[in-house]
Amino acid sequence: MNITGYQLTDVLNSKLSEHGMKKIPPQMIYNYIKKGYISHVVDEKGKKRVELTEAKRFITSYLSGDIQTKTSKETLMSHFEDV
């Protein structure tokens, strides 16, 4: 399963809101994709998409920089199902 940068932003912002943290704009995610901080694939229409496993990795990495608890990572990962 692949998701858009906007979908990735929605999930990340949801997690940030749960912890009372400032949300990020979608353009920040698209810039991270462009710069290669977030790996992506190109779909049949030529659009950049993020694989679900990469989205999980990025969100976990992003949150661990802001929230230094194991519980936060476990809570985040519990909201995803592997495809």
PDB file of N, CA and C in Angstrom:
ATOM      1  N   MET A   1       0.847  -1.180   0.000  1.00  0.00           N
ATOM      2  CA  MET A   1       0.000   0.000   0.000  1.00  0.00           C
ATOM      3  C   MET A   1       0.890   1.241   0.000  1.00  0.00           C
ATOM      4  N   ASN A   2       0.541   2.193  -0.824  1.00  0.00           N
ATOM      5  CA  ASN A   2       1.271   3.451  -0.906  1.00  0.00           C
ATOM      6  C   ASN A   2       0.333   4.599  -0.545  1.00  0.00           C
ATOM      7  N   ILE A   3       0.887   5.622   0.093  1.00  0.00           N
ATOM      8  CA  ILE A   3       0.079   6.771   0.488  1.00  0.00           C
ATOM      9  C   ILE A   3       0.700   8.056  -0.054  1.00  0.00           C
ATOM     10  N   THR A   4      -0.104   9.097  -0.088  1.00  0.00           N
ATOM     11  CA  THR A   4       0.373  10.395  -0.552  1.00  0.00           C
ATOM     12  C   THR A   4       1.060  11.143   0.595  1.00  0.00           C
ATOM     13  N   GLY A   5       1.747  12.197   0.247  1.00  0.00           N
ATOM     14  CA  GLY A   5       2.356  13.048   1.257  1.00  0.00           C
ATOM     15  C   GLY A   5       1.318  13.675   2.173  1.00  0.00           C
ATOM     16  N   TYR A   6       0.156  14.004   1.603  1.00  0.00           N
ATOM     17  CA  TYR A   6      -0.925  14.572   2.420  1.00  0.00           C
ATOM     18  C   TYR A   6      -1.436  13.559   3.437  1.00  0.00           C
ATOM     19  N   GLN A   7      -1.576  12.319   3.017  1.00  0.00           N
ATOM     20  CA  GLN A   7      -2.022  11.280   3.949  1.00  0.00           C
ATOM     21  C   GLN A   7      -1.000  11.061   5.049  1.00  0.00           C
ATOM     22  N   LEU A   8       0.265  11.079   4.696  1.00  0.00           N
ATOM     23  CA  LEU A   8       1.327  10.950   5.694  1.00  0.00           C
ATOM     24  C   LEU A   8       1.270  12.115   6.677  1.00  0.00           C
ATOM     25  N   THR A   9       1.044  13.317   6.165  1.00  0.00           N
ATOM     26  CA  THR A   9       0.933  14.500   7.022  1.00  0.00           C
ATOM     27  C   THR A   9      -0.238  14.362   7.989  1.00  0.00           C
ATOM     28  N   ASP A  10      -1.375  13.860   7.499  1.00  0.00           N
ATOM     29  CA  ASP A  10      -2.549  13.685   8.363  1.00  0.00           C
ATOM     30  C   ASP A  10      -2.253  12.755   9.530  1.00  0.00           C
ATOM     31  N   VAL A  11      -1.605  11.631   9.247  1.00  0.00           N
ATOM     32  CA  VAL A  11      -1.291  10.674  10.314  1.00  0.00           C
ATOM     33  C   VAL A  11      -0.308  11.294  11.308  1.00  0.00           C
ATOM     34  N   LEU A  12       0.740  11.914  10.790  1.00  0.00           N
ATOM     35  CA  LEU A  12       1.733  12.526  11.675  1.00  0.00           C
ATOM     36  C   LEU A  12       1.101  13.635  12.513  1.00  0.00           C
ATOM     37  N   ASN A  13       0.297  14.486  11.893  1.00  0.00           N
ATOM     38  CA  ASN A  13      -0.340  15.576  12.637  1.00  0.00           C
ATOM     39  C   ASN A  13      -1.294  15.049  13.699  1.00  0.00           C
ATOM     40  N   SER A  14      -1.945  13.939  13.429  1.00  0.00           N
ATOM     41  CA  SER A  14      -2.816  13.317  14.421  1.00  0.00           C
ATOM     42  C   SER A  14      -2.004  12.921  15.650  1.00  0.00           C
ATOM     43  N   LYS A  15      -0.858  12.318  15.409  1.00  0.00           N
ATOM     44  CA  LYS A  15       0.012  11.900  16.516  1.00  0.00           C
ATOM     45  C   LYS A  15       0.572  13.122  17.260  1.00  0.00           C
ATOM     46  N   LEU A  16       0.931  14.153  16.531  1.00  0.00           N
ATOM     47  CA  LEU A  16       1.453  15.362  17.174  1.00  0.00           C
ATOM     48  C   LEU A  16       0.380  16.015  18.035  1.00  0.00           C
ATOM     49  N   SER A  17      -0.860  16.044  17.541  1.00  0.00           N
ATOM     50  CA  SER A  17      -1.973  16.636  18.300  1.00  0.00           C
ATOM     51  C   SER A  17      -2.229  15.893  19.603  1.00  0.00           C
ATOM     52  N   GLU A  18      -2.118  14.566  19.550  1.00  0.00           N
ATOM     53  CA  GLU A  18      -2.328  13.759  20.753  1.00  0.00           C
ATOM     54  C   GLU A  18      -1.385  14.165  21.879  1.00  0.00           C
ATOM     55  N   HIS A  19      -0.240  14.673  21.507  1.00  0.00           N
ATOM     56  CA  HIS A  19       0.771  15.050  22.498  1.00  0.00           C
ATOM     57  C   HIS A  19       0.867  16.562  22.677  1.00  0.00           C
ATOM     58  N   GLY A  20      -0.125  17.285  22.151  1.00  0.00           N
ATOM     59  CA  GLY A  20      -0.164  18.734  22.313  1.00  0.00           C
ATOM     60  C   GLY A  20       0.940  19.461  21.577  1.00  0.00           C
ATOM     61  N   MET A  21       1.421  18.860  20.504  1.00  0.00           N
ATOM     62  CA  MET A  21       2.529  19.457  19.761  1.00  0.00           C
ATOM     63  C   MET A  21       2.024  20.138  18.500  1.00  0.00           C
ATOM     64  N   LYS A  22       2.807  21.060  18.000  1.00  0.00           N
ATOM     65  CA  LYS A  22       2.453  21.834  16.812  1.00  0.00           C
ATOM     66  C   LYS A  22       2.397  20.940  15.573  1.00  0.00           C
ATOM     67  N   LYS A  23       1.346  21.119  14.772  1.00  0.00           N
ATOM     68  CA  LYS A  23       1.197  20.377  13.521  1.00  0.00           C
ATOM     69  C   LYS A  23       2.164  20.917  12.474  1.00  0.00           C
ATOM     70  N   ILE A  24       2.450  20.081  11.478  1.00  0.00           N
ATOM     71  CA  ILE A  24       3.332  20.508  10.394  1.00  0.00           C
ATOM     72  C   ILE A  24       2.524  20.643   9.109  1.00  0.00           C
ATOM     73  N   PRO A  25       2.945  21.511   8.190  1.00  0.00           N
ATOM     74  CA  PRO A  25       2.235  21.663   6.923  1.00  0.00           C
ATOM     75  C   PRO A  25       2.595  20.531   5.953  1.00  0.00           C
ATOM     76  N   PRO A  26       1.675  20.169   5.063  1.00  0.00           N
ATOM     77  CA  PRO A  26       1.961  19.112   4.087  1.00  0.00           C
ATOM     78  C   PRO A  26       3.201  19.404   3.240  1.00  0.00           C
ATOM     79  N   GLN A  27       3.458  20.665   2.958  1.00  0.00           N
ATOM     80  CA  GLN A  27       4.607  21.003   2.118  1.00  0.00           C
ATOM     81  C   GLN A  27       5.923  20.551   2.747  1.00  0.00           C
ATOM     82  N   MET A  28       5.966  20.504   4.071  1.00  0.00           N
ATOM     83  CA  MET A  28       7.166  20.033   4.748  1.00  0.00           C
ATOM     84  C   MET A  28       7.439  18.570   4.392  1.00  0.00           C
ATOM     85  N   ILE A  29       6.381  17.755   4.372  1.00  0.00           N
ATOM     86  CA  ILE A  29       6.533  16.346   4.001  1.00  0.00           C
ATOM     87  C   ILE A  29       6.967  16.226   2.550  1.00  0.00           C
ATOM     88  N   TYR A  30       6.345  17.013   1.671  1.00  0.00           N
ATOM     89  CA  TYR A  30       6.722  16.954   0.258  1.00  0.00           C
ATOM     90  C   TYR A  30       8.175  17.397   0.047  1.00  0.00           C
ATOM     91  N   ASN A  31       8.635  18.355   0.827  1.00  0.00           N
ATOM     92  CA  ASN A  31      10.043  18.749   0.745  1.00  0.00           C
ATOM     93  C   ASN A  31      10.954  17.626   1.225  1.00  0.00           C
ATOM     94  N   TYR A  32      10.556  16.928   2.287  1.00  0.00           N
ATOM     95  CA  TYR A  32      11.339  15.785   2.771  1.00  0.00           C
ATOM     96  C   TYR A  32      11.401  14.683   1.719  1.00  0.00           C
ATOM     97  N   ILE A  33      10.285  14.465   1.012  1.00  0.00           N
ATOM     98  CA  ILE A  33      10.274  13.472  -0.067  1.00  0.00           C
ATOM     99  C   ILE A  33      11.225  13.915  -1.175  1.00  0.00           C
ATOM    100  N   LYS A  34      11.130  15.164  -1.565  1.00  0.00           N
ATOM    101  CA  LYS A  34      11.969  15.711  -2.638  1.00  0.00           C
ATOM    102  C   LYS A  34      13.460  15.613  -2.299  1.00  0.00           C
ATOM    103  N   LYS A  35      13.797  15.884  -1.041  1.00  0.00           N
ATOM    104  CA  LYS A  35      15.197  15.864  -0.618  1.00  0.00           C
ATOM    105  C   LYS A  35      15.709  14.459  -0.309  1.00  0.00           C
ATOM    106  N   GLY A  36      14.800  13.463  -0.320  1.00  0.00           N
ATOM    107  CA  GLY A  36      15.214  12.091  -0.080  1.00  0.00           C
ATOM    108  C   GLY A  36      15.213  11.664   1.372  1.00  0.00           C
ATOM    109  N   TYR A  37      14.698  12.512   2.268  1.00  0.00           N
ATOM    110  CA  TYR A  37      14.617  12.130   3.681  1.00  0.00           C
ATOM    111  C   TYR A  37      13.546  11.056   3.878  1.00  0.00           C
ATOM    112  N   ILE A  38      12.554  11.054   2.972  1.00  0.00           N
ATOM    113  CA  ILE A  38      11.507  10.048   2.977  1.00  0.00           C
ATOM    114  C   ILE A  38      11.586   9.344   1.623  1.00  0.00           C
ATOM    115  N   SER A  39      11.836   8.042   1.644  1.00  0.00           N
ATOM    116  CA  SER A  39      11.909   7.281   0.396  1.00  0.00           C
ATOM    117  C   SER A  39      10.534   7.235  -0.250  1.00  0.00           C
ATOM    118  N   HIS A  40      10.515   7.212  -1.570  1.00  0.00           N
ATOM    119  CA  HIS A  40       9.238   7.186  -2.267  1.00  0.00           C
ATOM    120  C   HIS A  40       9.306   6.284  -3.498  1.00  0.00           C
ATOM    121  N   VAL A  41       8.139   5.989  -4.020  1.00  0.00           N
ATOM    122  CA  VAL A  41       8.010   5.263  -5.280  1.00  0.00           C
ATOM    123  C   VAL A  41       7.184   6.148  -6.198  1.00  0.00           C
ATOM    124  N   VAL A  42       7.267   5.884  -7.479  1.00  0.00           N
ATOM    125  CA  VAL A  42       6.484   6.637  -8.447  1.00  0.00           C
ATOM    126  C   VAL A  42       5.408   5.698  -8.990  1.00  0.00           C
ATOM    127  N   ASP A  43       4.150   6.147  -8.913  1.00  0.00           N
ATOM    128  CA  ASP A  43       3.054   5.299  -9.381  1.00  0.00           C
ATOM    129  C   ASP A  43       2.921   5.364 -10.900  1.00  0.00           C
ATOM    130  N   GLU A  44       1.934   4.638 -11.433  1.00  0.00           N
ATOM    131  CA  GLU A  44       1.754   4.558 -12.879  1.00  0.00           C
ATOM    132  C   GLU A  44       1.386   5.898 -13.514  1.00  0.00           C
ATOM    133  N   LYS A  45       0.917   6.857 -12.706  1.00  0.00           N
ATOM    134  CA  LYS A  45       0.577   8.191 -13.210  1.00  0.00           C
ATOM    135  C   LYS A  45       1.726   9.178 -13.044  1.00  0.00           C
ATOM    136  N   GLY A  46       2.861   8.691 -12.540  1.00  0.00           N
ATOM    137  CA  GLY A  46       4.017   9.553 -12.347  1.00  0.00           C
ATOM    138  C   GLY A  46       4.015  10.339 -11.052  1.00  0.00           C
ATOM    139  N   LYS A  47       3.116   9.995 -10.139  1.00  0.00           N
ATOM    140  CA  LYS A  47       3.017  10.691  -8.848  1.00  0.00           C
ATOM    141  C   LYS A  47       3.877   9.990  -7.807  1.00  0.00           C
ATOM    142  N   LYS A  48       4.511  10.779  -6.956  1.00  0.00           N
ATOM    143  CA  LYS A  48       5.339  10.224  -5.884  1.00  0.00           C
ATOM    144  C   LYS A  48       4.438   9.754  -4.746  1.00  0.00           C
ATOM    145  N   ARG A  49       4.685   8.537  -4.280  1.00  0.00           N
ATOM    146  CA  ARG A  49       3.939   7.945  -3.181  1.00  0.00           C
ATOM    147  C   ARG A  49       4.915   7.355  -2.178  1.00  0.00           C
ATOM    148  N   VAL A  50       4.471   7.256  -0.930  1.00  0.00           N
ATOM    149  CA  VAL A  50       5.292   6.705   0.147  1.00  0.00           C
ATOM    150  C   VAL A  50       4.721   5.344   0.529  1.00  0.00           C
ATOM    151  N   GLU A  51       5.583   4.340   0.562  1.00  0.00           N
ATOM    152  CA  GLU A  51       5.131   3.016   0.987  1.00  0.00           C
ATOM    153  C   GLU A  51       4.814   3.058   2.473  1.00  0.00           C
ATOM    154  N   LEU A  52       3.853   2.245   2.896  1.00  0.00           N
ATOM    155  CA  LEU A  52       3.395   2.265   4.284  1.00  0.00           C
ATOM    156  C   LEU A  52       4.524   1.990   5.271  1.00  0.00           C
ATOM    157  N   THR A  53       5.405   1.065   4.941  1.00  0.00           N
ATOM    158  CA  THR A  53       6.513   0.770   5.857  1.00  0.00           C
ATOM    159  C   THR A  53       7.442   1.970   6.006  1.00  0.00           C
ATOM    160  N   GLU A  54       7.649   2.719   4.929  1.00  0.00           N
ATOM    161  CA  GLU A  54       8.479   3.923   4.997  1.00  0.00           C
ATOM    162  C   GLU A  54       7.764   5.005   5.795  1.00  0.00           C
ATOM    163  N   ALA A  55       6.452   5.101   5.651  1.00  0.00           N
ATOM    164  CA  ALA A  55       5.680   6.082   6.421  1.00  0.00           C
ATOM    165  C   ALA A  55       5.802   5.792   7.916  1.00  0.00           C
ATOM    166  N   LYS A  56       5.694   4.512   8.281  1.00  0.00           N
ATOM    167  CA  LYS A  56       5.854   4.121   9.684  1.00  0.00           C
ATOM    168  C   LYS A  56       7.240   4.491  10.194  1.00  0.00           C
ATOM    169  N   ARG A  57       8.254   4.185   9.396  1.00  0.00           N
ATOM    170  CA  ARG A  57       9.625   4.483   9.789  1.00  0.00           C
ATOM    171  C   ARG A  57       9.811   5.975  10.006  1.00  0.00           C
ATOM    172  N   PHE A  58       9.311   6.771   9.075  1.00  0.00           N
ATOM    173  CA  PHE A  58       9.477   8.217   9.184  1.00  0.00           C
ATOM    174  C   PHE A  58       8.744   8.772  10.402  1.00  0.00           C
ATOM    175  N   ILE A  59       7.489   8.361  10.587  1.00  0.00           N
ATOM    176  CA  ILE A  59       6.715   8.883  11.714  1.00  0.00           C
ATOM    177  C   ILE A  59       7.365   8.502  13.036  1.00  0.00           C
ATOM    178  N   THR A  60       7.797   7.269  13.157  1.00  0.00           N
ATOM    179  CA  THR A  60       8.472   6.824  14.378  1.00  0.00           C
ATOM    180  C   THR A  60       9.736   7.634  14.603  1.00  0.00           C
ATOM    181  N   SER A  61      10.496   7.825  13.551  1.00  0.00           N
ATOM    182  CA  SER A  61      11.730   8.599  13.639  1.00  0.00           C
ATOM    183  C   SER A  61      11.437  10.048  14.015  1.00  0.00           C
ATOM    184  N   TYR A  62      10.451  10.644  13.376  1.00  0.00           N
ATOM    185  CA  TYR A  62      10.093  12.039  13.648  1.00  0.00           C
ATOM    186  C   TYR A  62       9.644  12.207  15.096  1.00  0.00           C
ATOM    187  N   LEU A  63       8.768  11.323  15.552  1.00  0.00           N
ATOM    188  CA  LEU A  63       8.279  11.429  16.925  1.00  0.00           C
ATOM    189  C   LEU A  63       9.367  11.159  17.952  1.00  0.00           C
ATOM    190  N   SER A  64      10.268  10.239  17.659  1.00  0.00           N
ATOM    191  CA  SER A  64      11.307   9.935  18.637  1.00  0.00           C
ATOM    192  C   SER A  64      12.249  11.116  18.819  1.00  0.00           C
ATOM    193  N   GLY A  65      12.309  11.993  17.836  1.00  0.00           N
ATOM    194  CA  GLY A  65      13.105  13.209  17.984  1.00  0.00           C
ATOM    195  C   GLY A  65      12.434  14.210  18.897  1.00  0.00           C
ATOM    196  N   ASP A  66      11.096  14.155  18.969  1.00  0.00           N
ATOM    197  CA  ASP A  66      10.333  15.100  19.777  1.00  0.00           C
ATOM    198  C   ASP A  66       9.835  14.500  21.084  1.00  0.00           C
ATOM    199  N   ILE A  67       9.497  13.222  21.048  1.00  0.00           N
ATOM    200  CA  ILE A  67       8.937  12.551  22.216  1.00  0.00           C
ATOM    201  C   ILE A  67       9.852  11.385  22.555  1.00  0.00           C
ATOM    202  N   GLN A  68      10.541  11.464  23.640  1.00  0.00           N
ATOM    203  CA  GLN A  68      11.580  10.492  23.964  1.00  0.00           C
ATOM    204  C   GLN A  68      11.081   9.341  24.829  1.00  0.00           C
ATOM    205  N   THR A  69       9.913   8.788  24.522  1.00  0.00           N
ATOM    206  CA  THR A  69       9.426   7.675  25.327  1.00  0.00           C
ATOM    207  C   THR A  69       9.102   6.481  24.453  1.00  0.00           C
ATOM    208  N   LYS A  70       9.370   5.314  24.966  1.00  0.00           N
ATOM    209  CA  LYS A  70       9.063   4.079  24.247  1.00  0.00           C
ATOM    210  C   LYS A  70       7.554   3.937  24.076  1.00  0.00           C
ATOM    211  N   THR A  71       6.793   4.369  25.064  1.00  0.00           N
ATOM    212  CA  THR A  71       5.337   4.255  25.011  1.00  0.00           C
ATOM    213  C   THR A  71       4.766   4.985  23.804  1.00  0.00           C
ATOM    214  N   SER A  72       5.286   6.138  23.478  1.00  0.00           N
ATOM    215  CA  SER A  72       4.781   6.903  22.343  1.00  0.00           C
ATOM    216  C   SER A  72       4.954   6.123  21.051  1.00  0.00           C
ATOM    217  N   LYS A  73       6.091   5.477  20.866  1.00  0.00           N
ATOM    218  CA  LYS A  73       6.337   4.686  19.668  1.00  0.00           C
ATOM    219  C   LYS A  73       5.394   3.495  19.610  1.00  0.00           C
ATOM    220  N   GLU A  74       5.199   2.837  20.744  1.00  0.00           N
ATOM    221  CA  GLU A  74       4.304   1.680  20.779  1.00  0.00           C
ATOM    222  C   GLU A  74       2.872   2.087  20.452  1.00  0.00           C
ATOM    223  N   THR A  75       2.446   3.226  20.986  1.00  0.00           N
ATOM    224  CA  THR A  75       1.106   3.719  20.703  1.00  0.00           C
ATOM    225  C   THR A  75       0.961   4.030  19.224  1.00  0.00           C
ATOM    226  N   LEU A  76       1.935   4.680  18.655  1.00  0.00           N
ATOM    227  CA  LEU A  76       1.903   5.010  17.231  1.00  0.00           C
ATOM    228  C   LEU A  76       1.794   3.751  16.388  1.00  0.00           C
ATOM    229  N   MET A  77       2.641   2.791  16.640  1.00  0.00           N
ATOM    230  CA  MET A  77       2.676   1.587  15.823  1.00  0.00           C
ATOM    231  C   MET A  77       1.409   0.760  15.967  1.00  0.00           C
ATOM    232  N   SER A  78       0.719   0.884  17.088  1.00  0.00           N
ATOM    233  CA  SER A  78      -0.514   0.115  17.285  1.00  0.00           C
ATOM    234  C   SER A  78      -1.630   0.579  16.359  1.00  0.00           C
ATOM    235  N   HIS A  79      -1.500   1.756  15.768  1.00  0.00           N
ATOM    236  CA  HIS A  79      -2.520   2.280  14.861  1.00  0.00           C
ATOM    237  C   HIS A  79      -2.317   1.847  13.423  1.00  0.00           C
ATOM    238  N   PHE A  80      -1.264   1.117  13.144  1.00  0.00           N
ATOM    239  CA  PHE A  80      -0.969   0.655  11.798  1.00  0.00           C
ATOM    240  C   PHE A  80      -1.107  -0.860  11.716  1.00  0.00           C
ATOM    241  N   GLU A  81      -1.504  -1.325  10.586  1.00  0.00           N
ATOM    242  CA  GLU A  81      -1.503  -2.751  10.319  1.00  0.00           C
ATOM    243  C   GLU A  81      -0.604  -2.974   9.115  1.00  0.00           C
ATOM    244  N   ASP A  82       0.250  -3.990   9.181  1.00  0.00           N
ATOM    245  CA  ASP A  82       1.103  -4.275   8.031  1.00  0.00           C
ATOM    246  C   ASP A  82       0.259  -4.811   6.889  1.00  0.00           C
ATOM    247  N   VAL A  83       0.660  -4.427   5.707  1.00  0.00           N
ATOM    248  CA  VAL A  83      -0.060  -4.879   4.511  1.00  0.00           C
ATOM    249  C   VAL A  83       0.604  -6.097   3.948  1.00  0.00           C
TER     250      VAL A  83
END
